[in-house]
C-alpha atoms as a PDB file:
ATOM      1  CA  MET A   1       2.863   2.361  13.623  1.00  0.00           C
ATOM      2  CA  LYS A   2       6.087   0.449  13.984  1.00  0.00           C
ATOM      3  CA  THR A   3       9.152   2.370  15.120  1.00  0.00           C
ATOM      4  CA  ILE A   4      12.757   1.906  14.061  1.00  0.00           C
ATOM      5  CA  GLU A   5      15.860   3.471  15.605  1.00  0.00           C
ATOM      6  CA  LEU A   6      18.785   4.897  13.636  1.00  0.00           C
ATOM      7  CA  LYS A   7      22.059   6.521  14.612  1.00  0.00           C
ATOM      8  CA  ALA A   8      23.407   9.499  12.688  1.00  0.00           C
ATOM      9  CA  VAL A   9      26.128  12.135  12.883  1.00  0.00           C
ATOM     10  CA  PRO A  10      26.016  15.760  11.670  1.00  0.00           C
ATOM     11  CA  ARG A  11      27.492  16.421   8.238  1.00  0.00           C
ATOM     12  CA  LYS A  12      30.602  18.586   8.443  1.00  0.00           C
ATOM     13  CA  SER A  13      29.876  20.077   5.041  1.00  0.00           C
ATOM     14  CA  THR A  14      27.355  19.828   2.220  1.00  0.00           C
ATOM     15  CA  GLY A  15      27.579  19.842  -1.556  1.00  0.00           C
ATOM     16  CA  LYS A  16      28.266  17.333  -4.331  1.00  0.00           C
ATOM     17  CA  SER A  17      31.873  16.586  -3.382  1.00  0.00           C
ATOM     18  CA  ASN A  18      30.926  15.843   0.217  1.00  0.00           C
ATOM     19  CA  SER A  19      28.006  13.631  -0.876  1.00  0.00           C
ATOM     20  CA  LYS A  20      30.298  11.736  -3.248  1.00  0.00           C
ATOM     21  CA  ARG A  21      32.809  11.132  -0.456  1.00  0.00           C
ATOM     22  CA  LEU A  22      30.087   9.822   1.859  1.00  0.00           C
ATOM     23  CA  ARG A  23      28.845   7.356  -0.742  1.00  0.00           C
ATOM     24  CA  ILE A  24      32.368   6.039  -1.249  1.00  0.00           C
ATOM     25  CA  GLU A  25      32.457   5.463   2.521  1.00  0.00           C
ATOM     26  CA  GLU A  26      29.071   3.660   2.211  1.00  0.00           C
ATOM     27  CA  LYS A  27      27.206   6.388   4.039  1.00  0.00           C
ATOM     28  CA  VAL A  28      24.066   8.244   2.949  1.00  0.00           C
ATOM     29  CA  PRO A  29      23.643  12.043   3.119  1.00  0.00           C
ATOM     30  CA  CYS A  30      20.285  12.958   4.653  1.00  0.00           C
ATOM     31  CA  VAL A  31      18.389  16.021   5.770  1.00  0.00           C
ATOM     32  CA  ILE A  32      15.844  16.494   8.555  1.00  0.00           C
ATOM     33  CA  TYR A  33      13.429  19.351   7.870  1.00  0.00           C
ATOM     34  CA  GLY A  34      10.330  20.812   9.489  1.00  0.00           C
ATOM     35  CA  GLY A  35      10.377  23.063  12.533  1.00  0.00           C
ATOM     36  CA  VAL A  36      12.931  25.798  13.111  1.00  0.00           C
ATOM     37  CA  GLU A  37      15.861  24.687  10.953  1.00  0.00           C
ATOM     38  CA  ASN A  38      17.069  21.867   8.740  1.00  0.00           C
ATOM     39  CA  SER A  39      19.626  19.378  10.018  1.00  0.00           C
ATOM     40  CA  HIS A  40      22.107  17.819   7.599  1.00  0.00           C
ATOM     41  CA  ILE A  41      23.200  14.376   8.747  1.00  0.00           C
ATOM     42  CA  GLU A  42      24.833  11.187   7.498  1.00  0.00           C
ATOM     43  CA  ILE A  43      23.775   7.588   8.194  1.00  0.00           C
ATOM     44  CA  VAL A  44      25.602   4.324   7.513  1.00  0.00           C
ATOM     45  CA  GLU A  45      24.029   2.832   4.377  1.00  0.00           C
ATOM     46  CA  LYS A  46      23.542  -0.719   5.695  1.00  0.00           C
ATOM     47  CA  ASP A  47      21.643   0.632   8.726  1.00  0.00           C
ATOM     48  CA  LEU A  48      18.933   1.929   6.387  1.00  0.00           C
ATOM     49  CA  ARG A  49      18.052  -1.405   4.800  1.00  0.00           C
ATOM     50  CA  HIS A  50      15.315  -2.327   7.282  1.00  0.00           C
ATOM     51  CA  LEU A  51      13.707   1.084   6.784  1.00  0.00           C
ATOM     52  CA  VAL A  52      13.914   1.259   2.987  1.00  0.00           C
ATOM     53  CA  TYR A  53      13.611  -2.277   1.638  1.00  0.00           C
ATOM     54  CA  THR A  54      10.315  -3.225   3.249  1.00  0.00           C
ATOM     55  CA  PRO A  55       6.583  -2.861   2.484  1.00  0.00           C
ATOM     56  CA  ASP A  56       6.045  -1.473   6.001  1.00  0.00           C
ATOM     57  CA  THR A  57       5.984   2.200   6.971  1.00  0.00           C
ATOM     58  CA  TYR A  58       7.930   3.253  10.053  1.00  0.00           C
ATOM     59  CA  LEU A  59       8.194   6.132  12.467  1.00  0.00           C
ATOM     60  CA  VAL A  60      11.906   6.767  12.939  1.00  0.00           C
ATOM     61  CA  ASP A  61      13.793   7.703  16.107  1.00  0.00           C
ATOM     62  CA  ILE A  62      17.071   9.230  14.934  1.00  0.00           C
ATOM     63  CA  ASP A  63      19.852   9.640  17.496  1.00  0.00           C
ATOM     64  CA  VAL A  64      22.178  12.436  16.366  1.00  0.00           C
ATOM     65  CA  GLU A  65      25.059  12.263  18.825  1.00  0.00           C
ATOM     66  CA  GLY A  66      22.706  11.933  21.791  1.00  0.00           C
ATOM     67  CA  LYS A  67      20.033  14.304  20.511  1.00  0.00           C
ATOM     68  CA  LYS A  68      16.946  12.349  19.520  1.00  0.00           C
ATOM     69  CA  GLU A  69      14.602  13.361  16.721  1.00  0.00           C
ATOM     70  CA  LYS A  70      11.252  11.730  15.889  1.00  0.00           C
ATOM     71  CA  VAL A  71      10.835  11.744  12.111  1.00  0.00           C
ATOM     72  CA  ILE A  72       9.302   9.970   9.150  1.00  0.00           C
ATOM     73  CA  MET A  73      10.870   9.307   5.758  1.00  0.00           C
ATOM     74  CA  GLN A  74       9.337  11.648   3.184  1.00  0.00           C
ATOM     75  CA  ASP A  75      11.509  11.210   0.093  1.00  0.00           C
ATOM     76  CA  ILE A  76      14.299   8.947  -1.115  1.00  0.00           C
ATOM     77  CA  GLN A  77      16.568   9.032  -4.150  1.00  0.00           C
ATOM     78  CA  PHE A  78      18.154   5.953  -5.731  1.00  0.00           C
ATOM     79  CA  HIS A  79      21.009   5.644  -8.220  1.00  0.00           C
ATOM     80  CA  PRO A  80      19.436   4.944 -11.643  1.00  0.00           C
ATOM     81  CA  VAL A  81      21.879   2.105 -12.416  1.00  0.00           C
ATOM     82  CA  THR A  82      23.105   0.569  -9.152  1.00  0.00           C
ATOM     83  CA  ASP A  83      19.882   1.286  -7.194  1.00  0.00           C
ATOM     84  CA  ARG A  84      21.957   2.387  -4.192  1.00  0.00           C
ATOM     85  CA  ILE A  85      20.446   4.970  -1.851  1.00  0.00           C
ATOM     86  CA  LEU A  86      21.678   8.449  -2.797  1.00  0.00           C
ATOM     87  CA  HIS A  87      19.781  10.723  -0.418  1.00  0.00           C
ATOM     88  CA  ILE A  88      16.895  10.692   2.077  1.00  0.00           C
ATOM     89  CA  ASP A  89      14.635  13.482   3.329  1.00  0.00           C
ATOM     90  CA  PHE A  90      13.170  13.068   6.816  1.00  0.00           C
ATOM     91  CA  LEU A  91      10.293  15.146   8.214  1.00  0.00           C
ATOM     92  CA  ARG A  92      10.163  16.046  11.905  1.00  0.00           C
ATOM     93  CA  ILE A  93       7.051  14.847  13.721  1.00  0.00           C
ATOM     94  CA  PHE A  94       5.196  16.943  16.273  1.00  0.00           C
ATOM     95  CA  ASP A  95       2.368  15.647  18.471  1.00  0.00           C
ATOM     96  CA  ASP A  96       0.104  18.568  17.546  1.00  0.00           C
ATOM     97  CA  LYS A  97       0.689  18.456  13.767  1.00  0.00           C
ATOM     98  CA  LYS A  98      -0.790  15.984  11.295  1.00  0.00           C
ATOM     99  CA  ILE A  99       1.454  14.051   8.937  1.00  0.00           C
ATOM    100  CA  VAL A 100       0.872  12.426   5.562  1.00  0.00           C
ATOM    101  CA  VAL A 101       2.072   8.846   5.091  1.00  0.00           C
ATOM    102  CA  GLU A 102       1.429   5.845   2.882  1.00  0.00           C
ATOM    103  CA  LEU A 103       0.307   2.762   4.811  1.00  0.00           C
ATOM    104  CA  PRO A 104       0.144  -0.809   3.480  1.00  0.00           C
ATOM    105  CA  VAL A 105      -3.259  -2.377   2.767  1.00  0.00           C
ATOM    106  CA  VAL A 106      -4.040  -5.745   4.374  1.00  0.00           C
ATOM    107  CA  LEU A 107      -7.011  -7.804   3.173  1.00  0.00           C
ATOM    108  CA  LYS A 108      -9.353  -9.521   5.635  1.00  0.00           C
ATOM    109  CA  GLY A 109     -11.802 -12.342   4.925  1.00  0.00           C
ATOM    110  CA  LEU A 110     -12.561 -14.642   1.996  1.00  0.00           C
ATOM    111  CA  ALA A 111     -14.155 -13.245  -1.151  1.00  0.00           C
ATOM    112  CA  PRO A 112     -17.107 -15.366  -2.462  1.00  0.00           C
ATOM    113  CA  GLY A 113     -16.131 -14.314  -5.984  1.00  0.00           C
ATOM    114  CA  VAL A 114     -12.836 -16.188  -5.691  1.00  0.00           C
ATOM    115  CA  LYS A 115     -14.691 -19.424  -4.833  1.00  0.00           C
ATOM    116  CA  GLU A 116     -16.703 -18.876  -8.003  1.00  0.00           C
ATOM    117  CA  GLY A 117     -13.520 -18.845 -10.076  1.00  0.00           C
ATOM    118  CA  GLY A 118     -12.709 -15.113  -9.978  1.00  0.00           C
ATOM    119  CA  LYS A 119      -9.262 -13.630  -9.449  1.00  0.00           C
ATOM    120  CA  LEU A 120      -8.621 -11.366  -6.467  1.00  0.00           C
ATOM    121  CA  LYS A 121      -6.459  -8.368  -7.353  1.00  0.00           C
ATOM    122  CA  LEU A 122      -5.065  -5.801  -4.943  1.00  0.00           C
ATOM    123  CA  GLU A 123      -5.001  -2.656  -7.066  1.00  0.00           C
ATOM    124  CA  LEU A 124      -3.538  -0.336  -4.406  1.00  0.00           C
ATOM    125  CA  ARG A 125      -0.956  -1.863  -2.095  1.00  0.00           C
ATOM    126  CA  LYS A 126      -0.718   1.354  -0.075  1.00  0.00           C
ATOM    127  CA  LEU A 127      -3.081   4.217   0.711  1.00  0.00           C
ATOM    128  CA  LYS A 128      -2.037   7.784   1.452  1.00  0.00           C
ATOM    129  CA  VAL A 129      -3.567   9.074   4.689  1.00  0.00           C
ATOM    130  CA  ARG A 130      -3.391  12.186   6.873  1.00  0.00           C
ATOM    131  CA  GLY A 131      -3.563  12.172  10.666  1.00  0.00           C
ATOM    132  CA  PHE A 132      -1.661  12.553  13.922  1.00  0.00           C
ATOM    133  CA  SER A 133       1.271  10.198  14.435  1.00  0.00           C
ATOM    134  CA  LYS A 134      -0.368   8.692  17.535  1.00  0.00           C
ATOM    135  CA  ASP A 135      -3.338   7.568  15.426  1.00  0.00           C
ATOM    136  CA  MET A 136      -1.321   5.906  12.672  1.00  0.00           C
ATOM    137  CA  PRO A 137      -1.789   2.102  12.561  1.00  0.00           C
ATOM    138  CA  GLU A 138       0.746  -0.362  11.147  1.00  0.00           C
ATOM    139  CA  ASN A 139      -1.554  -1.091   8.218  1.00  0.00           C
ATOM    140  CA  LEU A 140      -5.052  -0.486   6.846  1.00  0.00           C
ATOM    141  CA  THR A 141      -7.399  -3.478   6.971  1.00  0.00           C
ATOM    142  CA  VAL A 142      -9.921  -3.890   4.137  1.00  0.00           C
ATOM    143  CA  ASP A 143     -12.745  -6.439   4.488  1.00  0.00           C
ATOM    144  CA  ILE A 144     -13.319  -8.447   1.274  1.00  0.00           C
ATOM    145  CA  SER A 145     -15.844 -10.982   2.626  1.00  0.00           C
ATOM    146  CA  SER A 146     -18.670  -9.481   0.528  1.00  0.00           C
ATOM    147  CA  LEU A 147     -16.802  -9.293  -2.798  1.00  0.00           C
ATOM    148  CA  VAL A 148     -18.583 -11.316  -5.505  1.00  0.00           C
ATOM    149  CA  LEU A 149     -17.551 -11.791  -9.139  1.00  0.00           C
ATOM    150  CA  GLY A 150     -16.919  -8.479 -10.870  1.00  0.00           C
ATOM    151  CA  SER A 151     -17.218  -6.379  -7.704  1.00  0.00           C
ATOM    152  CA  THR A 152     -14.747  -3.876  -6.253  1.00  0.00           C
ATOM    153  CA  VAL A 153     -13.910  -1.889  -3.131  1.00  0.00           C
ATOM    154  CA  LYS A 154     -13.243   1.777  -3.880  1.00  0.00           C
ATOM    155  CA  VAL A 155     -11.571   4.425  -1.751  1.00  0.00           C
ATOM    156  CA  LYS A 156     -14.892   6.206  -1.136  1.00  0.00           C
ATOM    157  CA  GLU A 157     -16.249   3.059   0.573  1.00  0.00           C
ATOM    158  CA  LEU A 158     -13.480   2.979   3.192  1.00  0.00           C
ATOM    159  CA  GLU A 159     -13.247   4.694   6.558  1.00  0.00           C
ATOM    160  CA  PHE A 160     -10.488   4.521   9.155  1.00  0.00           C
ATOM    161  CA  GLU A 161     -10.746   6.054  12.598  1.00  0.00           C
ATOM    162  CA  ASN A 162      -9.102   9.489  12.927  1.00  0.00           C
ATOM    163  CA  LEU A 163      -7.586   9.239   9.440  1.00  0.00           C
ATOM    164  CA  GLU A 164      -8.346  11.048   6.183  1.00  0.00           C
ATOM    165  CA  ILE A 165      -7.707   9.097   2.980  1.00  0.00           C
ATOM    166  CA  LEU A 166      -6.082  11.300   0.345  1.00  0.00           C
ATOM    167  CA  ASN A 167      -6.316   8.994  -2.682  1.00  0.00           C
ATOM    168  CA  PRO A 168      -8.999   9.869  -5.277  1.00  0.00           C
ATOM    169  CA  LYS A 169     -12.352   8.531  -4.063  1.00  0.00           C
ATOM    170  CA  THR A 170     -13.035   6.663  -7.317  1.00  0.00           C
ATOM    171  CA  ASN A 171      -9.784   4.666  -7.179  1.00  0.00           C
ATOM    172  CA  VAL A 172     -10.274   0.895  -6.904  1.00  0.00           C
ATOM    173  CA  VAL A 173      -8.426  -0.644  -3.954  1.00  0.00           C
ATOM    174  CA  VAL A 174      -9.256  -4.324  -4.505  1.00  0.00           C
ATOM    175  CA  SER A 175     -11.355  -6.223  -7.061  1.00  0.00           C
ATOM    176  CA  VAL A 176     -12.503  -9.706  -8.037  1.00  0.00           C
ATOM    177  CA  LYS A 177     -12.047 -10.007 -11.769  1.00  0.00           C
ATOM    178  CA  LEU A 178     -14.011 -12.370 -13.994  1.00  0.00           C
ATOM    179  CA  THR A 179     -11.587 -14.958 -15.391  1.00  0.00           C
ATOM    180  CA  ARG A 180     -12.046 -17.263 -18.403  1.00  0.00           C
ATOM    181  CA  VAL A 181     -12.737 -20.146 -16.037  1.00  0.00           C
ATOM    182  CA  ALA A 182     -15.461 -18.208 -14.215  1.00  0.00           C
ATOM    183  CA  ARG A 183     -16.910 -17.011 -17.528  1.00  0.00           C
ATOM    184  CA  GLY A 184     -16.962 -20.601 -18.806  1.00  0.00           C
ATOM    185  CA  MET A 185     -18.745 -21.812 -15.673  1.00  0.00           C
ATOM    186  CA  SER A 186     -21.365 -19.117 -16.142  1.00  0.00           C
ATOM    187  CA  LEU A 187     -21.922 -20.102 -19.779  1.00  0.00           C
ATOM    188  CA  ASP A 188     -22.236 -23.777 -18.860  1.00  0.00           C
ATOM    189  CA  GLU A 189     -24.918 -22.965 -16.286  1.00  0.00           C
ATOM    190  CA  ASP A 190     -26.839 -20.939 -18.865  1.00  0.00           C
ATOM    191  CA  GLU A 191     -26.670 -23.767 -21.418  1.00  0.00           C
ATOM    192  CA  GLU A 192     -27.884 -26.307 -18.856  1.00  0.00           C
ATOM    193  CA  GLY A 193     -30.817 -24.077 -17.999  1.00  0.00           C
ATOM    194  CA  GLU A 194     -31.746 -23.686 -21.651  1.00  0.00           C
ATOM    195  CA  GLY A 195     -31.501 -27.455 -22.180  1.00  0.00           C
ATOM    196  CA  GLU A 196     -33.924 -28.220 -19.382  1.00  0.00           C
ATOM    197  CA  GLU A 197     -36.401 -25.661 -20.646  1.00  0.00           C
ATOM    198  CA  GLY A 198     -36.088 -27.118 -24.146  1.00  0.00           C
ATOM    199  CA  ALA A 199     -36.815 -30.643 -22.870  1.00  0.00           C
ATOM    200  CA  GLU A 200     -39.909 -29.459 -21.066  1.00  0.00           C
ATOM    201  CA  GLY A 201     -41.054 -27.655 -24.185  1.00  0.00           C
ATOM    202  CA  GLU A 202     -40.682 -30.801 -26.280  1.00  0.00           C
ATOM    203  CA  GLY A 203     -42.690 -32.851 -23.771  1.00  0.00           C
ATOM    204  CA  GLU A 204     -45.527 -30.346 -23.849  1.00  0.00           C
ATOM    205  CA  ALA A 205     -45.535 -30.358 -27.664  1.00  0.00           C
ATOM    206  CA  GLU A 206     -45.721 -34.161 -27.763  1.00  0.00           C
ATOM    207  CA  GLY A 207     -48.604 -34.183 -25.296  1.00  0.00           C
ATOM    208  CA  LYS A 208     -50.588 -31.750 -27.436  1.00  0.00           C
ATOM    209  CA  SER A 209     -50.128 -33.809 -30.605  1.00  0.00           C
ATOM    210  CA  GLU A 210     -51.389 -36.943 -28.863  1.00  0.00           C
ATOM    211  CA  GLU A 211     -54.556 -35.141 -27.877  1.00  0.00           C
END
């Protein structure tokens, strides 16, 4: 997984009034939990943009006045109107403990169904997986080179080394849907086939009458 570094300072106090003051100063109240005790910290809002506003998932190295913590973002709250970041929960990472993260799905290959007029649709842009941090890749690659018209790839068909997928096994990850164009092409082929058979039938009937 990719790693991003952030600087933070301990919060002098907690509560609504303190959080409101931090937001006025364009800082975000955060908490690091997991392990012995929780740590309440504050981070400059603009420093969080590369972590929050991206499709990627990051491991985070937080430097709290010289003390470094390895964490991952577990929860984030946004303002319902302005969409500003209100609060973030970080989870401490330990080498001997598994973590649960959502990783982006990347498609590999060309689907034959698309060449036939179908529409490729990525149903799940991220998959939730469990594993050790050292085994977490940047993304999860799904091969679509065998997808024909109307076919799908479901969670139960996927396997990733040292990772457990937590999404329901029947969930569709990617599909090739039958479009009107593809449906029309299929109908045209059927009509052509029927026409040829009809012509042959007429020829046979004429031959019989001549006899």
